[in-house]
Amino acid sequence: MNNQSKSSAIQSHLEIKDIKDDVIILKNGGMRAVLMTTSLNFALKSSEEQDAVIYRYQEFLNSLDFSIQIVAISRKFNIDPYIQSLKATESQQENELLKIQTAEYIDFIKGLTEINDIMTESFYLAIPYSPPVSEKIGFLSNILKFNKNQQEKEKNFPEMKNSLWQRAEFIVTGLSGMGIRAVPLNTNELIELFYKLYNPSAKEGPKIKPDSQLITK
């Protein structure tokens, strides 16, 4: 099976129809936004802090009137960019002793990563939104009105996206109360995320953005 045939076979099993304007559009007309989040080291917190986090998490879940999906992805960490930066530092080093030490450090890091698989974990939240369900109609009427419904969905896309983004803002605010930062993935990052999910040999995923780019109310 060539790459094109393999790609078509995978797409036929996906529920995703399109990804545009930072939104995942499903074949059934539903929409999804994906937030990438930081994590908390719960074990290092005091008992009082742990209780506070649990209480805020309960409050957060109880405040939701829609479902969310929490996804944790483990992937082998790509150490190559770091090694390349060290090699650049080595080549620019004028002090011979420091140059030797840098080379030895590079060998140490390479050996460490060969012995142990260094994994990175990424955490995501998938937020759903579905358009209002219309009344059931007959099979023939459904065929005749298909194109019209598709045009209406395109026309209503900005409004539906706005409703989805209101949910995303609500999630971001709720998570911030627990000390967790969240940022929406843009179109390119969503494409990269799904590419790497269906290509296990790919390494770590998108990086979380600076605070200035987070959704805020």
N, C-alpha and C. Protein backbone atom coordinates (compact mmCIF):
# COMPACT_ATOMS: atom_id res chain seq x y z
N MET A 1 0.84 -1.20 0.00
CA MET A 1 0.00 0.00 0.00
C MET A 1 0.88 1.25 0.00
N ASN A 2 0.68 2.13 -1.01
CA ASN A 2 1.48 3.35 -1.06
C ASN A 2 1.00 4.35 -0.02
N ASN A 3 1.77 5.46 0.13
CA ASN A 3 1.46 6.44 1.17
C ASN A 3 0.10 7.09 0.97
N GLN A 4 -0.26 7.36 -0.30
CA GLN A 4 -1.54 8.00 -0.59
C GLN A 4 -2.71 7.08 -0.22
N SER A 5 -2.59 5.80 -0.56
CA SER A 5 -3.63 4.84 -0.23
C SER A 5 -3.74 4.66 1.27
N LYS A 6 -2.58 4.64 1.95
CA LYS A 6 -2.57 4.49 3.41
C LYS A 6 -3.24 5.68 4.06
N SER A 7 -2.95 6.89 3.53
CA SER A 7 -3.55 8.11 4.09
C SER A 7 -5.06 8.10 3.91
N SER A 8 -5.52 7.67 2.72
CA SER A 8 -6.96 7.62 2.46
C SER A 8 -7.65 6.61 3.37
N ALA A 9 -6.97 5.48 3.63
CA ALA A 9 -7.55 4.45 4.50
C ALA A 9 -7.70 4.97 5.92
N ILE A 10 -6.72 5.71 6.40
CA ILE A 10 -6.78 6.27 7.75
C ILE A 10 -7.88 7.30 7.84
N GLN A 11 -7.97 8.19 6.84
CA GLN A 11 -8.97 9.25 6.85
C GLN A 11 -10.39 8.68 6.83
N SER A 12 -10.59 7.55 6.19
CA SER A 12 -11.92 6.96 6.12
C SER A 12 -12.40 6.49 7.48
N HIS A 13 -11.48 6.25 8.40
CA HIS A 13 -11.85 5.78 9.74
C HIS A 13 -11.89 6.91 10.76
N LEU A 14 -11.49 8.10 10.37
CA LEU A 14 -11.50 9.24 11.29
C LEU A 14 -12.86 9.93 11.25
N GLU A 15 -13.25 10.48 12.39
CA GLU A 15 -14.50 11.24 12.45
C GLU A 15 -14.29 12.69 12.02
N ILE A 16 -13.05 13.07 11.76
CA ILE A 16 -12.73 14.46 11.43
C ILE A 16 -12.98 14.73 9.95
N LYS A 17 -13.73 15.78 9.69
CA LYS A 17 -13.97 16.20 8.30
C LYS A 17 -12.98 17.26 7.88
N ASP A 18 -12.69 18.20 8.79
CA ASP A 18 -11.81 19.31 8.44
C ASP A 18 -11.27 19.94 9.72
N ILE A 19 -10.18 20.69 9.59
CA ILE A 19 -9.63 21.50 10.67
C ILE A 19 -9.39 22.88 10.11
N LYS A 20 -10.11 23.87 10.62
CA LYS A 20 -9.94 25.23 10.14
C LYS A 20 -10.25 26.22 11.25
N ASP A 21 -9.61 27.37 11.18
CA ASP A 21 -9.81 28.43 12.17
C ASP A 21 -9.67 27.92 13.60
N ASP A 22 -8.69 27.04 13.81
CA ASP A 22 -8.37 26.49 15.13
C ASP A 22 -9.48 25.60 15.69
N VAL A 23 -10.33 25.07 14.82
CA VAL A 23 -11.46 24.25 15.24
C VAL A 23 -11.46 22.93 14.47
N ILE A 24 -11.74 21.84 15.17
CA ILE A 24 -11.92 20.54 14.52
C ILE A 24 -13.38 20.39 14.14
N ILE A 25 -13.66 20.10 12.88
CA ILE A 25 -15.02 19.91 12.40
C ILE A 25 -15.23 18.43 12.11
N LEU A 26 -16.22 17.83 12.77
CA LEU A 26 -16.49 16.42 12.60
C LEU A 26 -17.44 16.16 11.43
N LYS A 27 -17.48 14.94 10.97
CA LYS A 27 -18.33 14.57 9.84
C LYS A 27 -19.81 14.70 10.18
N ASN A 28 -20.14 14.58 11.47
CA ASN A 28 -21.55 14.70 11.88
C ASN A 28 -21.97 16.14 12.15
N GLY A 29 -21.07 17.10 11.87
CA GLY A 29 -21.38 18.51 12.06
C GLY A 29 -20.93 19.07 13.39
N GLY A 30 -20.50 18.21 14.31
CA GLY A 30 -20.01 18.67 15.60
C GLY A 30 -18.67 19.38 15.48
N MET A 31 -18.31 20.13 16.53
CA MET A 31 -17.06 20.87 16.54
C MET A 31 -16.31 20.55 17.82
N ARG A 32 -14.99 20.65 17.75
CA ARG A 32 -14.16 20.42 18.91
C ARG A 32 -13.03 21.46 18.97
N ALA A 33 -12.77 21.93 20.19
CA ALA A 33 -11.58 22.73 20.46
C ALA A 33 -10.69 21.88 21.36
N VAL A 34 -9.38 22.06 21.23
CA VAL A 34 -8.44 21.29 22.05
C VAL A 34 -7.55 22.26 22.80
N LEU A 35 -7.50 22.08 24.12
CA LEU A 35 -6.62 22.88 24.96
C LEU A 35 -5.45 22.02 25.41
N MET A 36 -4.27 22.59 25.36
CA MET A 36 -3.10 21.94 25.94
C MET A 36 -2.88 22.55 27.32
N THR A 37 -2.63 21.72 28.32
CA THR A 37 -2.54 22.22 29.69
C THR A 37 -1.20 21.86 30.33
N THR A 38 -0.87 22.62 31.36
CA THR A 38 0.26 22.24 32.21
C THR A 38 -0.26 21.20 33.21
N SER A 39 0.61 20.75 34.09
CA SER A 39 0.22 19.75 35.08
C SER A 39 0.65 20.22 36.47
N LEU A 40 0.15 19.51 37.50
CA LEU A 40 0.52 19.78 38.88
C LEU A 40 1.26 18.58 39.45
N ASN A 41 2.31 18.83 40.23
CA ASN A 41 2.97 17.75 40.94
C ASN A 41 2.26 17.58 42.28
N PHE A 42 1.20 16.81 42.25
CA PHE A 42 0.30 16.67 43.40
C PHE A 42 1.02 16.08 44.61
N ALA A 43 1.94 15.14 44.37
CA ALA A 43 2.60 14.44 45.47
C ALA A 43 3.49 15.35 46.30
N LEU A 44 4.00 16.41 45.70
CA LEU A 44 4.90 17.31 46.42
C LEU A 44 4.17 18.36 47.24
N LYS A 45 2.86 18.42 47.13
CA LYS A 45 2.10 19.42 47.88
C LYS A 45 1.77 18.90 49.28
N SER A 46 1.56 19.84 50.19
CA SER A 46 1.19 19.48 51.55
C SER A 46 -0.24 18.93 51.57
N SER A 47 -0.62 18.33 52.68
CA SER A 47 -1.98 17.77 52.80
C SER A 47 -3.04 18.85 52.60
N GLU A 48 -2.78 20.03 53.18
CA GLU A 48 -3.73 21.13 53.05
C GLU A 48 -3.85 21.58 51.59
N GLU A 49 -2.71 21.65 50.91
CA GLU A 49 -2.72 22.06 49.50
C GLU A 49 -3.41 21.01 48.63
N GLN A 50 -3.18 19.74 48.93
CA GLN A 50 -3.84 18.67 48.18
C GLN A 50 -5.35 18.72 48.36
N ASP A 51 -5.79 18.95 49.60
CA ASP A 51 -7.22 19.04 49.86
C ASP A 51 -7.84 20.22 49.10
N ALA A 52 -7.09 21.34 49.05
CA ALA A 52 -7.59 22.52 48.35
C ALA A 52 -7.72 22.25 46.85
N VAL A 53 -6.74 21.55 46.29
CA VAL A 53 -6.78 21.22 44.86
C VAL A 53 -7.96 20.30 44.56
N ILE A 54 -8.15 19.29 45.40
CA ILE A 54 -9.26 18.35 45.21
C ILE A 54 -10.60 19.08 45.29
N TYR A 55 -10.73 19.97 46.25
CA TYR A 55 -11.98 20.72 46.41
C TYR A 55 -12.25 21.60 45.19
N ARG A 56 -11.21 22.28 44.70
CA ARG A 56 -11.38 23.14 43.52
C ARG A 56 -11.69 22.31 42.28
N TYR A 57 -11.10 21.13 42.20
CA TYR A 57 -11.37 20.25 41.06
C TYR A 57 -12.83 19.78 41.09
N GLN A 58 -13.33 19.45 42.27
CA GLN A 58 -14.73 19.06 42.40
C GLN A 58 -15.65 20.21 41.99
N GLU A 59 -15.32 21.40 42.45
CA GLU A 59 -16.11 22.58 42.08
C GLU A 59 -16.10 22.79 40.56
N PHE A 60 -14.92 22.61 39.98
CA PHE A 60 -14.77 22.79 38.54
C PHE A 60 -15.64 21.80 37.77
N LEU A 61 -15.59 20.52 38.14
CA LEU A 61 -16.38 19.51 37.45
C LEU A 61 -17.88 19.75 37.63
N ASN A 62 -18.27 20.14 38.83
CA ASN A 62 -19.69 20.38 39.10
C ASN A 62 -20.22 21.61 38.36
N SER A 63 -19.33 22.50 37.97
CA SER A 63 -19.76 23.72 37.28
C SER A 63 -20.01 23.50 35.79
N LEU A 64 -19.58 22.35 35.27
CA LEU A 64 -19.71 22.07 33.84
C LEU A 64 -21.10 21.58 33.49
N ASP A 65 -21.66 22.12 32.42
CA ASP A 65 -22.94 21.61 31.91
C ASP A 65 -22.75 20.98 30.53
N PHE A 66 -21.51 20.62 30.23
CA PHE A 66 -21.18 19.90 28.99
C PHE A 66 -20.03 18.96 29.31
N SER A 67 -19.87 17.95 28.46
CA SER A 67 -18.83 16.95 28.70
C SER A 67 -17.48 17.45 28.17
N ILE A 68 -16.41 16.95 28.76
CA ILE A 68 -15.06 17.21 28.26
C ILE A 68 -14.31 15.89 28.25
N GLN A 69 -13.25 15.84 27.46
CA GLN A 69 -12.41 14.64 27.41
C GLN A 69 -11.00 15.03 27.80
N ILE A 70 -10.44 14.31 28.78
CA ILE A 70 -9.07 14.56 29.23
C ILE A 70 -8.17 13.50 28.62
N VAL A 71 -7.10 13.94 27.96
CA VAL A 71 -6.20 13.02 27.26
C VAL A 71 -4.77 13.27 27.71
N ALA A 72 -4.07 12.20 28.09
CA ALA A 72 -2.64 12.27 28.43
C ALA A 72 -1.88 11.46 27.38
N ILE A 73 -0.86 12.08 26.79
CA ILE A 73 -0.09 11.43 25.73
C ILE A 73 1.38 11.36 26.15
N SER A 74 1.93 10.15 26.15
CA SER A 74 3.35 9.94 26.43
C SER A 74 4.08 9.68 25.11
N ARG A 75 5.20 10.35 24.95
CA ARG A 75 5.95 10.21 23.70
C ARG A 75 7.44 10.34 23.99
N LYS A 76 8.23 9.63 23.24
CA LYS A 76 9.69 9.69 23.42
C LYS A 76 10.18 11.10 23.14
N PHE A 77 10.99 11.60 24.07
CA PHE A 77 11.48 12.98 23.96
C PHE A 77 12.55 13.08 22.87
N ASN A 78 12.45 14.12 22.07
CA ASN A 78 13.41 14.35 20.99
C ASN A 78 14.56 15.20 21.52
N ILE A 79 15.72 14.57 21.74
CA ILE A 79 16.87 15.25 22.32
C ILE A 79 17.76 15.89 21.25
N ASP A 80 17.46 15.63 19.97
CA ASP A 80 18.34 16.09 18.88
C ASP A 80 18.56 17.60 18.86
N PRO A 81 17.51 18.43 19.00
CA PRO A 81 17.76 19.88 18.98
C PRO A 81 18.71 20.33 20.08
N TYR A 82 18.61 19.71 21.27
CA TYR A 82 19.51 20.07 22.37
C TYR A 82 20.94 19.67 22.05
N ILE A 83 21.11 18.49 21.46
CA ILE A 83 22.45 18.03 21.08
C ILE A 83 23.06 18.97 20.04
N GLN A 84 22.25 19.39 19.08
CA GLN A 84 22.74 20.30 18.04
C GLN A 84 23.17 21.64 18.62
N SER A 85 22.42 22.13 19.61
CA SER A 85 22.79 23.40 20.24
C SER A 85 24.10 23.26 21.01
N LEU A 86 24.30 22.09 21.64
CA LEU A 86 25.56 21.85 22.35
C LEU A 86 26.74 21.77 21.38
N LYS A 87 26.52 21.13 20.23
CA LYS A 87 27.58 21.04 19.22
C LYS A 87 27.95 22.42 18.68
N ALA A 88 26.93 23.29 18.52
CA ALA A 88 27.20 24.66 18.07
C ALA A 88 28.03 25.41 19.11
N THR A 89 27.70 25.20 20.38
CA THR A 89 28.47 25.83 21.46
C THR A 89 29.90 25.31 21.48
N GLU A 90 30.05 24.00 21.25
CA GLU A 90 31.39 23.39 21.22
C GLU A 90 32.24 23.98 20.10
N SER A 91 31.65 24.13 18.92
CA SER A 91 32.42 24.63 17.77
C SER A 91 32.83 26.08 17.94
N GLN A 92 32.06 26.83 18.75
CA GLN A 92 32.36 28.25 18.96
C GLN A 92 33.24 28.49 20.18
N GLN A 93 33.49 27.44 20.93
CA GLN A 93 34.26 27.57 22.17
C GLN A 93 35.75 27.75 21.85
N GLU A 94 36.35 28.80 22.35
CA GLU A 94 37.76 29.08 22.11
C GLU A 94 38.66 28.43 23.15
N ASN A 95 38.15 28.27 24.36
CA ASN A 95 38.91 27.63 25.43
C ASN A 95 38.95 26.13 25.18
N GLU A 96 40.14 25.57 25.00
CA GLU A 96 40.29 24.16 24.63
C GLU A 96 39.74 23.23 25.71
N LEU A 97 39.97 23.59 26.98
CA LEU A 97 39.49 22.75 28.07
C LEU A 97 37.96 22.71 28.09
N LEU A 98 37.33 23.88 27.93
CA LEU A 98 35.86 23.94 27.91
C LEU A 98 35.31 23.21 26.68
N LYS A 99 36.06 23.25 25.60
CA LYS A 99 35.62 22.56 24.39
C LYS A 99 35.60 21.05 24.62
N ILE A 100 36.64 20.54 25.31
CA ILE A 100 36.72 19.11 25.62
C ILE A 100 35.60 18.72 26.58
N GLN A 101 35.35 19.57 27.58
CA GLN A 101 34.29 19.29 28.54
C GLN A 101 32.91 19.26 27.88
N THR A 102 32.71 20.17 26.91
CA THR A 102 31.43 20.19 26.19
C THR A 102 31.25 18.92 25.37
N ALA A 103 32.32 18.48 24.71
CA ALA A 103 32.27 17.24 23.92
C ALA A 103 31.97 16.04 24.81
N GLU A 104 32.59 16.01 26.00
CA GLU A 104 32.34 14.91 26.94
C GLU A 104 30.90 14.94 27.45
N TYR A 105 30.40 16.14 27.66
CA TYR A 105 29.01 16.27 28.11
C TYR A 105 28.04 15.78 27.04
N ILE A 106 28.34 16.10 25.78
CA ILE A 106 27.50 15.63 24.66
C ILE A 106 27.47 14.11 24.63
N ASP A 107 28.64 13.49 24.79
CA ASP A 107 28.71 12.02 24.80
C ASP A 107 27.94 11.44 25.98
N PHE A 108 28.00 12.13 27.13
CA PHE A 108 27.27 11.67 28.31
C PHE A 108 25.76 11.70 28.08
N ILE A 109 25.27 12.81 27.50
CA ILE A 109 23.84 12.94 27.23
C ILE A 109 23.39 11.89 26.23
N LYS A 110 24.17 11.67 25.18
CA LYS A 110 23.83 10.66 24.18
C LYS A 110 23.75 9.28 24.81
N GLY A 111 24.74 8.95 25.65
CA GLY A 111 24.76 7.65 26.30
C GLY A 111 23.59 7.47 27.25
N LEU A 112 23.23 8.55 27.95
CA LEU A 112 22.11 8.49 28.89
C LEU A 112 20.80 8.23 28.18
N THR A 113 20.59 8.88 27.04
CA THR A 113 19.34 8.71 26.31
C THR A 113 19.27 7.37 25.59
N GLU A 114 20.43 6.79 25.28
CA GLU A 114 20.44 5.47 24.65
C GLU A 114 20.10 4.37 25.66
N ILE A 115 20.53 4.57 26.91
CA ILE A 115 20.25 3.58 27.96
C ILE A 115 18.81 3.68 28.44
N ASN A 116 18.35 4.92 28.63
CA ASN A 116 17.00 5.15 29.17
C ASN A 116 16.15 5.90 28.15
N ASP A 117 14.95 5.40 27.93
CA ASP A 117 14.00 6.12 27.08
C ASP A 117 13.41 7.28 27.89
N ILE A 118 13.77 8.50 27.49
CA ILE A 118 13.27 9.68 28.18
C ILE A 118 11.95 10.07 27.53
N MET A 119 10.89 10.02 28.33
CA MET A 119 9.55 10.28 27.82
C MET A 119 9.07 11.66 28.25
N THR A 120 8.23 12.22 27.43
CA THR A 120 7.58 13.47 27.78
C THR A 120 6.07 13.25 27.76
N GLU A 121 5.38 13.85 28.71
CA GLU A 121 3.93 13.71 28.79
C GLU A 121 3.26 15.03 28.48
N SER A 122 2.23 14.97 27.66
CA SER A 122 1.46 16.16 27.31
C SER A 122 0.01 15.90 27.71
N PHE A 123 -0.66 16.97 28.16
CA PHE A 123 -2.04 16.83 28.64
C PHE A 123 -2.95 17.75 27.83
N TYR A 124 -4.10 17.20 27.42
CA TYR A 124 -5.02 17.93 26.57
C TYR A 124 -6.45 17.80 27.08
N LEU A 125 -7.24 18.80 26.75
CA LEU A 125 -8.68 18.77 27.02
C LEU A 125 -9.41 18.98 25.70
N ALA A 126 -10.31 18.07 25.35
CA ALA A 126 -11.13 18.23 24.15
C ALA A 126 -12.49 18.76 24.57
N ILE A 127 -12.90 19.88 23.97
CA ILE A 127 -14.16 20.53 24.33
C ILE A 127 -15.12 20.41 23.15
N PRO A 128 -16.31 19.86 23.38
CA PRO A 128 -17.26 19.63 22.28
C PRO A 128 -18.29 20.75 22.14
N TYR A 129 -18.80 20.87 20.94
CA TYR A 129 -19.99 21.70 20.70
C TYR A 129 -20.71 21.12 19.49
N SER A 130 -22.00 20.93 19.63
CA SER A 130 -22.81 20.40 18.53
C SER A 130 -23.92 21.38 18.21
N PRO A 131 -24.23 21.57 16.92
CA PRO A 131 -25.33 22.47 16.54
C PRO A 131 -26.65 21.90 17.01
N PRO A 132 -27.66 22.76 17.18
CA PRO A 132 -28.98 22.28 17.60
C PRO A 132 -29.49 21.19 16.66
N VAL A 133 -30.10 20.15 17.23
CA VAL A 133 -30.60 19.02 16.44
C VAL A 133 -31.94 19.39 15.82
N SER A 134 -32.04 19.25 14.53
CA SER A 134 -33.29 19.56 13.83
C SER A 134 -34.24 18.37 13.92
N GLU A 135 -35.49 18.60 13.61
CA GLU A 135 -36.48 17.53 13.65
C GLU A 135 -36.15 16.46 12.61
N LYS A 136 -36.52 15.22 12.94
CA LYS A 136 -36.28 14.13 12.00
C LYS A 136 -37.15 14.28 10.76
N ILE A 137 -36.55 14.01 9.62
CA ILE A 137 -37.29 14.11 8.37
C ILE A 137 -37.10 12.82 7.58
N GLY A 138 -37.92 12.66 6.57
CA GLY A 138 -37.86 11.45 5.78
C GLY A 138 -36.57 11.33 5.00
N PHE A 139 -36.31 10.09 4.53
CA PHE A 139 -35.06 9.81 3.82
C PHE A 139 -34.93 10.65 2.55
N LEU A 140 -36.01 10.74 1.76
CA LEU A 140 -35.97 11.50 0.52
C LEU A 140 -35.77 12.98 0.79
N SER A 141 -36.49 13.49 1.79
CA SER A 141 -36.34 14.91 2.14
C SER A 141 -34.93 15.19 2.63
N ASN A 142 -34.35 14.22 3.32
CA ASN A 142 -32.99 14.39 3.83
C ASN A 142 -32.00 14.55 2.69
N ILE A 143 -32.19 13.77 1.63
CA ILE A 143 -31.31 13.86 0.46
C ILE A 143 -31.47 15.21 -0.23
N LEU A 144 -32.71 15.66 -0.39
CA LEU A 144 -32.97 16.91 -1.09
C LEU A 144 -32.45 18.13 -0.33
N LYS A 145 -32.46 18.02 1.01
CA LYS A 145 -32.06 19.17 1.82
C LYS A 145 -30.60 19.12 2.26
N PHE A 146 -29.87 18.11 1.81
CA PHE A 146 -28.49 17.94 2.26
C PHE A 146 -27.63 19.15 1.93
N ASN A 147 -27.67 19.57 0.66
CA ASN A 147 -26.83 20.70 0.24
C ASN A 147 -27.21 21.98 0.98
N LYS A 148 -28.52 22.16 1.19
CA LYS A 148 -28.97 23.35 1.89
C LYS A 148 -28.46 23.37 3.33
N ASN A 149 -28.50 22.19 3.98
CA ASN A 149 -28.01 22.10 5.35
C ASN A 149 -26.52 22.37 5.42
N GLN A 150 -25.78 21.89 4.42
CA GLN A 150 -24.35 22.13 4.40
C GLN A 150 -24.05 23.62 4.29
N GLN A 151 -24.82 24.32 3.45
CA GLN A 151 -24.64 25.77 3.30
C GLN A 151 -24.97 26.50 4.59
N GLU A 152 -26.01 26.03 5.29
CA GLU A 152 -26.39 26.66 6.55
C GLU A 152 -25.30 26.46 7.60
N LYS A 153 -24.69 25.29 7.61
CA LYS A 153 -23.61 25.04 8.56
C LYS A 153 -22.43 25.97 8.32
N GLU A 154 -22.10 26.18 7.03
CA GLU A 154 -21.01 27.09 6.70
C GLU A 154 -21.35 28.50 7.13
N LYS A 155 -22.59 28.89 6.93
CA LYS A 155 -23.04 30.24 7.28
C LYS A 155 -23.02 30.44 8.79
N ASN A 156 -23.39 29.41 9.53
CA ASN A 156 -23.47 29.51 10.98
C ASN A 156 -22.15 29.20 11.69
N PHE A 157 -21.10 28.91 10.92
CA PHE A 157 -19.82 28.53 11.52
C PHE A 157 -19.29 29.57 12.51
N PRO A 158 -19.26 30.87 12.18
CA PRO A 158 -18.74 31.86 13.14
C PRO A 158 -19.51 31.85 14.46
N GLU A 159 -20.83 31.73 14.37
CA GLU A 159 -21.65 31.72 15.59
C GLU A 159 -21.38 30.47 16.42
N MET A 160 -21.26 29.32 15.75
CA MET A 160 -20.99 28.07 16.45
C MET A 160 -19.60 28.10 17.06
N LYS A 161 -18.64 28.65 16.34
CA LYS A 161 -17.28 28.75 16.88
C LYS A 161 -17.26 29.65 18.11
N ASN A 162 -18.03 30.73 18.08
CA ASN A 162 -18.09 31.62 19.23
C ASN A 162 -18.64 30.90 20.46
N SER A 163 -19.66 30.06 20.27
CA SER A 163 -20.22 29.28 21.37
C SER A 163 -19.19 28.28 21.91
N LEU A 164 -18.44 27.68 20.99
CA LEU A 164 -17.39 26.73 21.40
C LEU A 164 -16.31 27.45 22.19
N TRP A 165 -15.95 28.65 21.73
CA TRP A 165 -14.88 29.41 22.39
C TRP A 165 -15.30 29.91 23.76
N GLN A 166 -16.59 30.16 23.94
CA GLN A 166 -17.08 30.53 25.27
C GLN A 166 -16.88 29.39 26.25
N ARG A 167 -17.09 28.18 25.78
CA ARG A 167 -16.83 27.00 26.62
C ARG A 167 -15.34 26.89 26.94
N ALA A 168 -14.50 27.15 25.93
CA ALA A 168 -13.05 27.07 26.14
C ALA A 168 -12.59 28.09 27.18
N GLU A 169 -13.14 29.29 27.10
CA GLU A 169 -12.79 30.33 28.07
C GLU A 169 -13.22 29.94 29.47
N PHE A 170 -14.38 29.30 29.58
CA PHE A 170 -14.87 28.85 30.87
C PHE A 170 -13.94 27.79 31.46
N ILE A 171 -13.47 26.88 30.62
CA ILE A 171 -12.54 25.84 31.06
C ILE A 171 -11.23 26.45 31.52
N VAL A 172 -10.69 27.40 30.74
CA VAL A 172 -9.42 28.04 31.10
C VAL A 172 -9.51 28.72 32.45
N THR A 173 -10.62 29.43 32.68
CA THR A 173 -10.82 30.11 33.95
C THR A 173 -10.90 29.13 35.10
N GLY A 174 -11.63 28.02 34.90
CA GLY A 174 -11.77 27.02 35.94
C GLY A 174 -10.45 26.35 36.29
N LEU A 175 -9.64 26.05 35.27
CA LEU A 175 -8.35 25.41 35.52
C LEU A 175 -7.37 26.35 36.21
N SER A 176 -7.45 27.63 35.89
CA SER A 176 -6.53 28.61 36.49
C SER A 176 -6.71 28.66 38.01
N GLY A 177 -7.93 28.36 38.49
CA GLY A 177 -8.18 28.33 39.92
C GLY A 177 -7.43 27.22 40.63
N MET A 178 -6.95 26.22 39.87
CA MET A 178 -6.16 25.13 40.44
C MET A 178 -4.68 25.30 40.14
N GLY A 179 -4.33 26.42 39.52
CA GLY A 179 -2.93 26.65 39.18
C GLY A 179 -2.50 25.97 37.91
N ILE A 180 -3.46 25.62 37.06
CA ILE A 180 -3.16 24.95 35.79
C ILE A 180 -3.38 25.93 34.64
N ARG A 181 -2.38 26.09 33.82
CA ARG A 181 -2.49 26.95 32.64
C ARG A 181 -3.01 26.12 31.47
N ALA A 182 -3.81 26.75 30.63
CA ALA A 182 -4.35 26.06 29.45
C ALA A 182 -4.29 26.99 28.26
N VAL A 183 -4.01 26.43 27.10
CA VAL A 183 -3.91 27.22 25.87
C VAL A 183 -4.53 26.43 24.72
N PRO A 184 -5.30 27.08 23.86
CA PRO A 184 -5.90 26.37 22.72
C PRO A 184 -4.87 26.11 21.64
N LEU A 185 -4.96 24.95 21.02
CA LEU A 185 -4.10 24.65 19.88
C LEU A 185 -4.67 25.31 18.63
N ASN A 186 -3.78 25.92 17.83
CA ASN A 186 -4.24 26.52 16.58
C ASN A 186 -4.30 25.45 15.49
N THR A 187 -4.67 25.86 14.29
CA THR A 187 -4.89 24.91 13.20
C THR A 187 -3.65 24.06 12.92
N ASN A 188 -2.49 24.71 12.79
CA ASN A 188 -1.27 23.96 12.49
C ASN A 188 -0.91 23.00 13.62
N GLU A 189 -1.10 23.44 14.86
CA GLU A 189 -0.79 22.58 15.99
C GLU A 189 -1.75 21.38 16.08
N LEU A 190 -3.00 21.60 15.72
CA LEU A 190 -3.96 20.49 15.70
C LEU A 190 -3.58 19.46 14.64
N ILE A 191 -3.21 19.95 13.47
CA ILE A 191 -2.78 19.04 12.39
C ILE A 191 -1.55 18.26 12.82
N GLU A 192 -0.60 18.95 13.44
CA GLU A 192 0.62 18.29 13.92
C GLU A 192 0.30 17.26 14.99
N LEU A 193 -0.61 17.60 15.90
CA LEU A 193 -1.00 16.68 16.97
C LEU A 193 -1.57 15.39 16.40
N PHE A 194 -2.53 15.50 15.47
CA PHE A 194 -3.15 14.30 14.93
C PHE A 194 -2.19 13.52 14.04
N TYR A 195 -1.30 14.23 13.35
CA TYR A 195 -0.29 13.53 12.54
C TYR A 195 0.58 12.65 13.43
N LYS A 196 1.01 13.22 14.55
CA LYS A 196 1.89 12.46 15.43
C LYS A 196 1.14 11.35 16.18
N LEU A 197 -0.16 11.56 16.44
CA LEU A 197 -0.94 10.50 17.07
C LEU A 197 -1.04 9.27 16.18
N TYR A 198 -1.12 9.49 14.87
CA TYR A 198 -1.26 8.38 13.93
C TYR A 198 0.08 7.99 13.29
N ASN A 199 1.16 8.57 13.80
CA ASN A 199 2.50 8.20 13.38
C ASN A 199 3.34 8.01 14.64
N PRO A 200 3.31 6.82 15.23
CA PRO A 200 3.97 6.57 16.52
C PRO A 200 5.46 6.89 16.53
N SER A 201 6.13 6.86 15.38
CA SER A 201 7.56 7.14 15.34
C SER A 201 7.86 8.62 15.55
N ALA A 202 6.84 9.47 15.38
CA ALA A 202 7.02 10.90 15.61
C ALA A 202 7.25 11.15 17.09
N LYS A 203 7.97 12.23 17.39
CA LYS A 203 8.35 12.47 18.77
C LYS A 203 7.46 13.52 19.41
N GLU A 204 8.03 14.33 20.33
CA GLU A 204 7.17 15.15 21.17
C GLU A 204 6.29 16.10 20.38
N GLY A 205 5.18 16.52 21.02
CA GLY A 205 4.16 17.32 20.35
C GLY A 205 4.34 18.81 20.52
N PRO A 206 3.28 19.58 20.28
CA PRO A 206 3.37 21.05 20.34
C PRO A 206 3.80 21.55 21.70
N LYS A 207 4.49 22.68 21.71
CA LYS A 207 4.91 23.30 22.97
C LYS A 207 3.86 24.28 23.43
N ILE A 208 3.70 24.38 24.75
CA ILE A 208 2.73 25.32 25.28
C ILE A 208 3.22 26.74 25.07
N LYS A 209 2.30 27.66 24.79
CA LYS A 209 2.66 29.02 24.43
C LYS A 209 2.91 29.88 25.66
N PRO A 210 3.53 31.04 25.48
CA PRO A 210 3.74 31.95 26.60
C PRO A 210 2.42 32.41 27.21
N ASP A 211 2.50 32.92 28.45
CA ASP A 211 1.29 33.37 29.14
C ASP A 211 0.51 34.39 28.35
N SER A 212 1.21 35.25 27.60
CA SER A 212 0.55 36.33 26.88
C SER A 212 -0.39 35.82 25.81
N GLN A 213 -0.24 34.54 25.41
CA GLN A 213 -1.07 34.00 24.35
C GLN A 213 -2.19 33.10 24.89
N LEU A 214 -2.32 33.02 26.21
CA LEU A 214 -3.37 32.21 26.78
C LEU A 214 -4.71 32.89 26.62
N ILE A 215 -5.78 32.08 26.59
CA ILE A 215 -7.14 32.65 26.58
C ILE A 215 -7.39 33.25 27.95
N THR A 216 -7.85 34.46 27.99
CA THR A 216 -8.24 35.08 29.25
C THR A 216 -9.55 35.81 29.07
N LYS A 217 -10.28 35.93 30.16
CA LYS A 217 -11.54 36.67 30.09
C LYS A 217 -11.29 38.14 30.28
